[in-house]
Amino acid sequence: MYRTREKQMSIYDYLPPYHGELCGANRWVRLAAEIDWDAFERAYSEQFAPGGAVALPARVALGCRVIQLHYGVIDREVVSLVQESPYLQYFLGFEKFSDSVPFSARTVARFRARIPDKAVRPAVRLLRSYR
C-alpha cells in the first residue's frame, strides 16, 4: 500500500537539532526544490499493490538513490550519511532532524532494486552542477 505525502515544506519550518536554520543556498536544499517529487511519487506508487504494509515515501526512496549515486557508497553508508546530516534529512522530506532514520541498509537495497540508476542520474548531474 502507498499513501501520498504532503507537499514540500519550507526550509524555515524544518528544525535542525540546534534549532537554527538551514541555509537555502545549500546544494541539497536547492536540489530538493528542483526535483518534481509529485511526478516521481505518482510513478513510484504504481509499483505497489493496494493492500499490505505502508511503504516509505517515494521521496525517501528517490532521495536515498540520489545520495547513493552522488557519493558512490554502499547501502549501509547511505543510512549513516542520512543519520548524520540535517541537510540530507531535509532532502528526504523529514520534518525535523533525528539521530535515528526510519530505514535500514536493507531498505536502501530495495530502493536500488525499484529505482534504476538511469532514473537517478539527471538529479545527480544537477546536484554536481551546484558546485
N, C-alpha and C. Protein backbone atom coordinates (compact mmCIF):
# COMPACT_ATOMS: atom_id res chain seq x y z
N MET A 1 0.84 -1.16 0.00
CA MET A 1 0.00 0.00 0.00
C MET A 1 0.90 1.24 0.00
N TYR A 2 0.42 2.30 -0.61
CA TYR A 2 1.18 3.54 -0.67
C TYR A 2 0.26 4.69 -0.29
N ARG A 3 0.73 5.58 0.57
CA ARG A 3 -0.03 6.78 0.94
C ARG A 3 0.73 8.00 0.47
N THR A 4 0.03 8.91 -0.15
CA THR A 4 0.63 10.14 -0.65
C THR A 4 1.03 11.04 0.51
N ARG A 5 2.21 11.64 0.39
CA ARG A 5 2.73 12.53 1.43
C ARG A 5 2.33 13.97 1.13
N GLU A 6 2.51 14.80 2.13
CA GLU A 6 2.24 16.22 1.94
C GLU A 6 3.29 16.84 1.03
N LYS A 7 3.03 18.03 0.57
CA LYS A 7 3.93 18.74 -0.34
C LYS A 7 5.19 19.20 0.39
N GLN A 8 6.11 19.75 -0.35
CA GLN A 8 7.39 20.24 0.18
C GLN A 8 7.15 21.27 1.27
N MET A 9 7.83 21.07 2.38
CA MET A 9 7.76 22.05 3.45
C MET A 9 8.77 23.16 3.18
N SER A 10 8.62 24.22 3.87
CA SER A 10 9.57 25.33 3.77
C SER A 10 10.81 25.00 4.59
N ILE A 11 11.97 25.46 4.14
CA ILE A 11 13.17 25.22 4.95
C ILE A 11 13.08 25.94 6.30
N TYR A 12 12.20 26.91 6.39
CA TYR A 12 12.05 27.64 7.64
C TYR A 12 11.16 26.90 8.64
N ASP A 13 10.47 25.86 8.17
CA ASP A 13 9.66 25.02 9.06
C ASP A 13 10.46 23.84 9.60
N TYR A 14 11.58 23.57 9.00
CA TYR A 14 12.41 22.43 9.39
C TYR A 14 13.30 22.83 10.55
N LEU A 15 13.29 22.04 11.61
CA LEU A 15 14.08 22.40 12.79
C LEU A 15 15.24 21.43 12.98
N PRO A 16 16.45 21.86 12.67
CA PRO A 16 17.60 21.02 12.95
C PRO A 16 17.80 20.89 14.46
N PRO A 17 18.68 20.00 14.89
CA PRO A 17 18.82 19.73 16.31
C PRO A 17 19.24 20.93 17.15
N TYR A 18 19.92 21.87 16.55
CA TYR A 18 20.40 23.03 17.29
C TYR A 18 19.44 24.21 17.18
N HIS A 19 18.25 23.97 16.65
CA HIS A 19 17.19 24.97 16.50
C HIS A 19 17.63 26.18 15.68
N GLY A 20 18.56 25.96 14.80
CA GLY A 20 18.98 27.01 13.88
C GLY A 20 18.17 26.90 12.60
N GLU A 21 18.69 27.45 11.55
CA GLU A 21 18.01 27.38 10.26
C GLU A 21 18.94 26.75 9.26
N LEU A 22 18.35 26.08 8.30
CA LEU A 22 19.13 25.53 7.21
C LEU A 22 19.43 26.65 6.21
N CYS A 23 20.55 26.55 5.55
CA CYS A 23 20.94 27.55 4.56
C CYS A 23 20.25 27.22 3.23
N GLY A 24 19.49 28.17 2.72
CA GLY A 24 18.79 27.97 1.46
C GLY A 24 19.71 27.78 0.27
N ALA A 25 20.97 28.17 0.39
CA ALA A 25 21.93 28.02 -0.70
C ALA A 25 22.60 26.65 -0.70
N ASN A 26 22.35 25.84 0.30
CA ASN A 26 22.94 24.50 0.36
C ASN A 26 22.49 23.69 -0.85
N ARG A 27 23.39 22.91 -1.41
CA ARG A 27 23.09 22.16 -2.63
C ARG A 27 21.96 21.17 -2.45
N TRP A 28 21.80 20.58 -1.25
CA TRP A 28 20.72 19.60 -1.02
C TRP A 28 19.38 20.31 -0.91
N VAL A 29 19.36 21.50 -0.34
CA VAL A 29 18.14 22.30 -0.26
C VAL A 29 17.74 22.74 -1.67
N ARG A 30 18.70 23.18 -2.44
CA ARG A 30 18.42 23.62 -3.82
C ARG A 30 17.91 22.47 -4.67
N LEU A 31 18.54 21.30 -4.55
CA LEU A 31 18.10 20.15 -5.33
C LEU A 31 16.69 19.72 -4.92
N ALA A 32 16.39 19.77 -3.64
CA ALA A 32 15.05 19.41 -3.17
C ALA A 32 13.99 20.28 -3.84
N ALA A 33 14.32 21.54 -4.07
CA ALA A 33 13.37 22.45 -4.72
C ALA A 33 13.24 22.18 -6.21
N GLU A 34 14.25 21.60 -6.82
CA GLU A 34 14.26 21.36 -8.27
C GLU A 34 13.55 20.07 -8.69
N ILE A 35 13.56 19.07 -7.85
CA ILE A 35 13.00 17.76 -8.21
C ILE A 35 11.48 17.82 -8.19
N ASP A 36 10.87 17.24 -9.19
CA ASP A 36 9.41 17.12 -9.25
C ASP A 36 9.01 15.88 -8.46
N TRP A 37 8.94 16.04 -7.15
CA TRP A 37 8.66 14.92 -6.26
C TRP A 37 7.29 14.31 -6.55
N ASP A 38 6.31 15.16 -6.89
CA ASP A 38 4.96 14.66 -7.14
C ASP A 38 4.93 13.73 -8.35
N ALA A 39 5.62 14.09 -9.41
CA ALA A 39 5.64 13.23 -10.60
C ALA A 39 6.31 11.90 -10.29
N PHE A 40 7.42 11.95 -9.55
CA PHE A 40 8.08 10.70 -9.20
C PHE A 40 7.18 9.86 -8.30
N GLU A 41 6.50 10.50 -7.37
CA GLU A 41 5.62 9.76 -6.46
C GLU A 41 4.50 9.05 -7.21
N ARG A 42 3.93 9.70 -8.21
CA ARG A 42 2.87 9.06 -9.00
C ARG A 42 3.40 7.80 -9.68
N ALA A 43 4.57 7.90 -10.29
CA ALA A 43 5.15 6.74 -10.98
C ALA A 43 5.56 5.66 -9.99
N TYR A 44 6.15 6.06 -8.89
CA TYR A 44 6.65 5.10 -7.90
C TYR A 44 5.50 4.35 -7.23
N SER A 45 4.42 5.05 -6.94
CA SER A 45 3.30 4.43 -6.22
C SER A 45 2.62 3.34 -7.05
N GLU A 46 2.78 3.38 -8.37
CA GLU A 46 2.19 2.36 -9.23
C GLU A 46 2.85 0.99 -9.05
N GLN A 47 4.00 0.95 -8.42
CA GLN A 47 4.71 -0.31 -8.21
C GLN A 47 4.17 -1.11 -7.03
N PHE A 48 3.20 -0.54 -6.30
CA PHE A 48 2.72 -1.17 -5.07
C PHE A 48 1.29 -1.67 -5.21
N ALA A 49 1.02 -2.78 -4.56
CA ALA A 49 -0.33 -3.34 -4.51
C ALA A 49 -1.18 -2.52 -3.53
N PRO A 50 -2.51 -2.58 -3.67
CA PRO A 50 -3.38 -1.78 -2.80
C PRO A 50 -3.32 -2.18 -1.32
N GLY A 51 -3.07 -3.42 -1.00
CA GLY A 51 -3.06 -3.84 0.40
C GLY A 51 -1.65 -4.02 0.91
N GLY A 52 -1.54 -4.43 2.14
CA GLY A 52 -0.23 -4.71 2.71
C GLY A 52 0.31 -3.57 3.55
N ALA A 53 1.56 -3.71 3.92
CA ALA A 53 2.22 -2.69 4.75
C ALA A 53 2.41 -1.41 3.95
N VAL A 54 2.40 -0.30 4.66
CA VAL A 54 2.59 1.00 4.01
C VAL A 54 4.08 1.20 3.72
N ALA A 55 4.38 1.56 2.48
CA ALA A 55 5.77 1.77 2.06
C ALA A 55 6.28 3.12 2.54
N LEU A 56 7.58 3.24 2.61
CA LEU A 56 8.19 4.54 2.88
C LEU A 56 7.89 5.48 1.72
N PRO A 57 7.87 6.78 1.96
CA PRO A 57 7.55 7.74 0.90
C PRO A 57 8.51 7.65 -0.29
N ALA A 58 7.97 7.98 -1.45
CA ALA A 58 8.76 7.99 -2.68
C ALA A 58 9.94 8.93 -2.56
N ARG A 59 9.77 10.02 -1.86
CA ARG A 59 10.86 10.99 -1.69
C ARG A 59 12.04 10.36 -0.95
N VAL A 60 11.77 9.54 0.03
CA VAL A 60 12.84 8.85 0.76
C VAL A 60 13.55 7.89 -0.19
N ALA A 61 12.77 7.15 -0.96
CA ALA A 61 13.35 6.17 -1.88
C ALA A 61 14.23 6.84 -2.94
N LEU A 62 13.70 7.83 -3.64
CA LEU A 62 14.47 8.52 -4.67
C LEU A 62 15.64 9.27 -4.05
N GLY A 63 15.39 9.93 -2.93
CA GLY A 63 16.45 10.68 -2.28
C GLY A 63 17.62 9.80 -1.87
N CYS A 64 17.34 8.62 -1.34
CA CYS A 64 18.41 7.69 -0.97
C CYS A 64 19.21 7.27 -2.19
N ARG A 65 18.53 7.07 -3.30
CA ARG A 65 19.23 6.68 -4.53
C ARG A 65 20.11 7.83 -5.03
N VAL A 66 19.63 9.07 -4.94
CA VAL A 66 20.44 10.22 -5.35
C VAL A 66 21.68 10.31 -4.46
N ILE A 67 21.50 10.20 -3.16
CA ILE A 67 22.62 10.26 -2.22
C ILE A 67 23.62 9.15 -2.54
N GLN A 68 23.12 7.95 -2.77
CA GLN A 68 24.00 6.81 -3.04
C GLN A 68 24.80 7.00 -4.32
N LEU A 69 24.16 7.42 -5.39
CA LEU A 69 24.88 7.61 -6.64
C LEU A 69 25.84 8.80 -6.57
N HIS A 70 25.42 9.86 -5.90
CA HIS A 70 26.28 11.04 -5.80
C HIS A 70 27.58 10.72 -5.06
N TYR A 71 27.46 10.04 -3.94
CA TYR A 71 28.64 9.73 -3.14
C TYR A 71 29.31 8.41 -3.53
N GLY A 72 28.63 7.58 -4.32
CA GLY A 72 29.20 6.30 -4.72
C GLY A 72 29.44 5.37 -3.54
N VAL A 73 28.45 5.27 -2.66
CA VAL A 73 28.61 4.50 -1.42
C VAL A 73 27.68 3.29 -1.40
N ILE A 74 27.99 2.37 -0.47
CA ILE A 74 27.17 1.19 -0.28
C ILE A 74 25.92 1.55 0.53
N ASP A 75 24.98 0.62 0.56
CA ASP A 75 23.70 0.85 1.23
C ASP A 75 23.86 1.30 2.68
N ARG A 76 24.71 0.64 3.40
CA ARG A 76 24.92 0.94 4.83
C ARG A 76 25.42 2.38 5.01
N GLU A 77 26.27 2.83 4.11
CA GLU A 77 26.81 4.19 4.22
C GLU A 77 25.73 5.24 3.94
N VAL A 78 24.77 4.94 3.07
CA VAL A 78 23.66 5.87 2.84
C VAL A 78 22.94 6.12 4.16
N VAL A 79 22.66 5.06 4.89
CA VAL A 79 21.98 5.18 6.18
C VAL A 79 22.80 6.07 7.12
N SER A 80 24.10 5.84 7.19
CA SER A 80 24.96 6.64 8.07
C SER A 80 25.00 8.11 7.66
N LEU A 81 25.11 8.37 6.38
CA LEU A 81 25.14 9.76 5.91
C LEU A 81 23.86 10.50 6.27
N VAL A 82 22.73 9.84 6.05
CA VAL A 82 21.44 10.46 6.35
C VAL A 82 21.30 10.67 7.85
N GLN A 83 21.75 9.72 8.62
CA GLN A 83 21.65 9.80 10.08
C GLN A 83 22.43 11.00 10.62
N GLU A 84 23.51 11.36 9.96
CA GLU A 84 24.39 12.42 10.44
C GLU A 84 24.08 13.82 9.93
N SER A 85 23.26 13.94 8.89
CA SER A 85 23.14 15.23 8.23
C SER A 85 21.72 15.80 8.23
N PRO A 86 21.52 16.97 8.85
CA PRO A 86 20.21 17.61 8.77
C PRO A 86 19.85 17.99 7.33
N TYR A 87 20.85 18.30 6.51
CA TYR A 87 20.56 18.66 5.12
C TYR A 87 20.05 17.46 4.33
N LEU A 88 20.65 16.30 4.54
CA LEU A 88 20.18 15.11 3.84
C LEU A 88 18.80 14.69 4.37
N GLN A 89 18.57 14.85 5.65
CA GLN A 89 17.25 14.52 6.18
C GLN A 89 16.19 15.47 5.62
N TYR A 90 16.54 16.73 5.50
CA TYR A 90 15.62 17.67 4.85
C TYR A 90 15.36 17.25 3.41
N PHE A 91 16.42 16.91 2.69
CA PHE A 91 16.30 16.48 1.30
C PHE A 91 15.34 15.30 1.17
N LEU A 92 15.37 14.39 2.13
CA LEU A 92 14.49 13.22 2.11
C LEU A 92 13.07 13.53 2.58
N GLY A 93 12.83 14.76 3.02
CA GLY A 93 11.49 15.16 3.42
C GLY A 93 11.17 14.98 4.89
N PHE A 94 12.18 14.72 5.71
CA PHE A 94 11.93 14.60 7.15
C PHE A 94 11.51 15.96 7.69
N GLU A 95 10.63 15.96 8.64
CA GLU A 95 10.13 17.23 9.20
C GLU A 95 11.07 17.83 10.23
N LYS A 96 11.90 17.01 10.85
CA LYS A 96 12.87 17.51 11.83
C LYS A 96 14.04 16.53 11.86
N PHE A 97 15.14 17.01 12.38
CA PHE A 97 16.33 16.18 12.46
C PHE A 97 16.17 15.12 13.54
N SER A 98 16.64 13.93 13.24
CA SER A 98 16.60 12.83 14.21
C SER A 98 17.88 12.02 14.09
N ASP A 99 18.36 11.50 15.21
CA ASP A 99 19.54 10.65 15.19
C ASP A 99 19.24 9.26 14.67
N SER A 100 17.97 8.93 14.57
CA SER A 100 17.61 7.62 14.01
C SER A 100 16.81 7.84 12.73
N VAL A 101 17.00 6.97 11.77
CA VAL A 101 16.29 7.08 10.50
C VAL A 101 15.35 5.89 10.35
N PRO A 102 14.23 6.08 9.65
CA PRO A 102 13.21 5.03 9.58
C PRO A 102 13.45 3.97 8.49
N PHE A 103 14.71 3.74 8.17
CA PHE A 103 15.02 2.71 7.18
C PHE A 103 16.40 2.14 7.47
N SER A 104 16.66 0.99 6.88
CA SER A 104 17.93 0.29 7.10
C SER A 104 18.65 0.14 5.77
N ALA A 105 19.85 -0.42 5.83
CA ALA A 105 20.61 -0.69 4.61
C ALA A 105 19.83 -1.66 3.71
N ARG A 106 19.12 -2.55 4.32
CA ARG A 106 18.31 -3.50 3.53
C ARG A 106 17.21 -2.77 2.75
N THR A 107 16.63 -1.75 3.36
CA THR A 107 15.62 -0.94 2.68
C THR A 107 16.24 -0.19 1.51
N VAL A 108 17.43 0.35 1.71
CA VAL A 108 18.12 1.05 0.62
C VAL A 108 18.37 0.08 -0.55
N ALA A 109 18.68 -1.17 -0.24
CA ALA A 109 18.86 -2.18 -1.29
C ALA A 109 17.56 -2.39 -2.06
N ARG A 110 16.43 -2.36 -1.37
CA ARG A 110 15.13 -2.48 -2.05
C ARG A 110 14.87 -1.27 -2.94
N PHE A 111 15.25 -0.07 -2.47
CA PHE A 111 15.11 1.12 -3.30
C PHE A 111 15.93 0.95 -4.58
N ARG A 112 17.13 0.41 -4.42
CA ARG A 112 18.02 0.20 -5.57
C ARG A 112 17.38 -0.75 -6.59
N ALA A 113 16.67 -1.75 -6.10
CA ALA A 113 16.01 -2.70 -6.99
C ALA A 113 14.82 -2.06 -7.71
N ARG A 114 14.16 -1.13 -7.08
CA ARG A 114 12.97 -0.49 -7.67
C ARG A 114 13.30 0.72 -8.55
N ILE A 115 14.40 1.40 -8.25
CA ILE A 115 14.72 2.65 -8.94
C ILE A 115 16.07 2.49 -9.63
N PRO A 116 16.08 2.35 -10.95
CA PRO A 116 17.35 2.15 -11.66
C PRO A 116 18.21 3.41 -11.67
N ASP A 117 19.51 3.20 -11.82
CA ASP A 117 20.46 4.32 -11.87
C ASP A 117 20.07 5.36 -12.91
N LYS A 118 19.60 4.92 -14.06
CA LYS A 118 19.29 5.87 -15.14
C LYS A 118 18.18 6.84 -14.75
N ALA A 119 17.31 6.45 -13.83
CA ALA A 119 16.25 7.35 -13.37
C ALA A 119 16.78 8.40 -12.39
N VAL A 120 17.94 8.14 -11.82
CA VAL A 120 18.50 8.99 -10.78
C VAL A 120 19.58 9.93 -11.33
N ARG A 121 20.22 9.53 -12.40
CA ARG A 121 21.36 10.31 -12.92
C ARG A 121 21.07 11.77 -13.22
N PRO A 122 19.89 12.14 -13.77
CA PRO A 122 19.65 13.58 -14.00
C PRO A 122 19.73 14.41 -12.72
N ALA A 123 19.20 13.90 -11.62
CA ALA A 123 19.27 14.63 -10.35
C ALA A 123 20.70 14.72 -9.85
N VAL A 124 21.47 13.66 -10.02
CA VAL A 124 22.87 13.66 -9.58
C VAL A 124 23.66 14.68 -10.41
N ARG A 125 23.41 14.71 -11.71
CA ARG A 125 24.10 15.70 -12.57
C ARG A 125 23.76 17.13 -12.14
N LEU A 126 22.49 17.36 -11.84
CA LEU A 126 22.07 18.68 -11.39
C LEU A 126 22.76 19.04 -10.07
N LEU A 127 22.81 18.11 -9.15
CA LEU A 127 23.47 18.33 -7.86
C LEU A 127 24.94 18.69 -8.07
N ARG A 128 25.59 17.99 -8.95
CA ARG A 128 27.01 18.25 -9.20
C ARG A 128 27.24 19.59 -9.87
N SER A 129 26.23 20.10 -10.57
CA SER A 129 26.38 21.40 -11.22
C SER A 129 26.33 22.55 -10.22
N TYR A 130 25.89 22.32 -9.00
CA TYR A 130 25.80 23.37 -7.99
C TYR A 130 27.15 23.76 -7.39
N ARG A 131 28.19 23.06 -7.70
CA ARG A 131 29.50 23.34 -7.11
C ARG A 131 30.06 24.65 -7.54
